[in-house]
């Protein structure tokens, strides 16, 4: 994105700066335990709402990412 590199690959290696496996419930749990994120102005409800609304799409994208990785290393 405009702020930073979120993923990269070098040869057979893949690095990501996010957790593609996280669903809305786990995200809500993380935010509930992270007072710094809540104080920083992060719109917790919007993140959880997005993860809930686009659940199917996010699962599909995570599956594609993992599939790509596995296709490269196997």
Protein backbone atom coordinates (compact mmCIF):
# COMPACT_ATOMS: atom_id res chain seq x y z
CA UNK A 1 0.00 0.00 0.00
CA UNK A 2 1.07 3.64 0.02
CA UNK A 3 2.51 3.38 3.55
CA UNK A 4 4.74 0.33 3.25
CA UNK A 5 5.45 -2.99 1.60
CA UNK A 6 2.91 -5.53 2.84
CA UNK A 7 4.27 -8.67 1.18
CA UNK A 8 7.30 -9.77 -0.79
CA UNK A 9 8.85 -12.84 -2.28
CA UNK A 10 12.46 -13.68 -2.96
CA UNK A 11 12.93 -16.97 -4.73
CA UNK A 12 10.97 -19.60 -2.80
CA UNK A 13 10.52 -17.32 0.23
CA UNK A 14 7.41 -15.30 0.98
CA UNK A 15 7.11 -12.67 3.70
CA UNK A 16 3.95 -10.87 4.77
CA UNK A 17 3.41 -7.97 7.17
CA UNK A 18 -0.10 -9.07 8.14
CA UNK A 19 -2.05 -12.12 9.27
CA UNK A 20 -4.11 -13.49 6.35
CA UNK A 21 -5.55 -16.20 8.60
CA UNK A 22 -7.29 -13.84 11.05
CA UNK A 23 -11.07 -13.64 11.07
CA UNK A 24 -13.34 -10.96 12.54
CA UNK A 25 -13.70 -12.74 15.88
CA UNK A 26 -9.96 -13.06 16.41
CA UNK A 27 -9.44 -9.47 15.26
CA UNK A 28 -11.98 -8.25 17.82
CA UNK A 29 -10.20 -10.28 20.52
CA UNK A 30 -6.85 -8.77 19.58
CA UNK A 31 -8.22 -5.24 19.72
CA UNK A 32 -9.93 -5.94 23.04
CA UNK A 33 -6.51 -6.78 24.48
CA UNK A 34 -4.62 -3.92 22.77
CA UNK A 35 -5.26 -0.65 24.58
CA UNK A 36 -2.51 1.07 22.57
CA UNK A 37 -4.31 0.37 19.29
CA UNK A 38 -7.59 1.66 20.69
CA UNK A 39 -5.90 4.84 21.98
CA UNK A 40 -4.04 5.41 18.70
CA UNK A 41 -7.22 6.31 16.87
CA UNK A 42 -7.63 3.00 15.07
CA UNK A 43 -11.30 2.51 14.25
CA UNK A 44 -11.66 -0.91 15.84
CA UNK A 45 -15.32 -1.28 14.94
CA UNK A 46 -14.59 -0.47 11.28
CA UNK A 47 -11.84 -3.10 11.07
CA UNK A 48 -14.12 -5.74 12.60
CA UNK A 49 -17.06 -4.67 10.42
CA UNK A 50 -14.88 -4.91 7.30
CA UNK A 51 -13.61 -8.38 8.28
CA UNK A 52 -17.21 -9.49 8.87
CA UNK A 53 -18.64 -7.96 5.70
CA UNK A 54 -15.92 -9.27 3.40
CA UNK A 55 -15.35 -12.58 5.17
CA UNK A 56 -15.74 -14.71 2.03
CA UNK A 57 -13.48 -12.50 -0.04
CA UNK A 58 -10.81 -12.42 2.67
CA UNK A 59 -10.86 -16.22 2.98
CA UNK A 60 -10.53 -16.53 -0.80
CA UNK A 61 -7.58 -14.13 -0.86
CA UNK A 62 -5.84 -15.91 2.03
CA UNK A 63 -6.37 -19.25 0.27
CA UNK A 64 -4.88 -17.83 -2.94
CA UNK A 65 -1.88 -16.46 -1.05
CA UNK A 66 -1.20 -19.77 0.70
CA UNK A 67 -1.81 -21.66 -2.56
CA UNK A 68 0.70 -19.46 -4.37
CA UNK A 69 3.25 -20.00 -1.62
CA UNK A 70 2.75 -23.77 -1.64
CA UNK A 71 3.00 -23.83 -5.43
CA UNK A 72 6.41 -22.17 -5.18
CA UNK A 73 7.94 -24.27 -2.42
CA UNK A 74 6.58 -27.73 -3.21
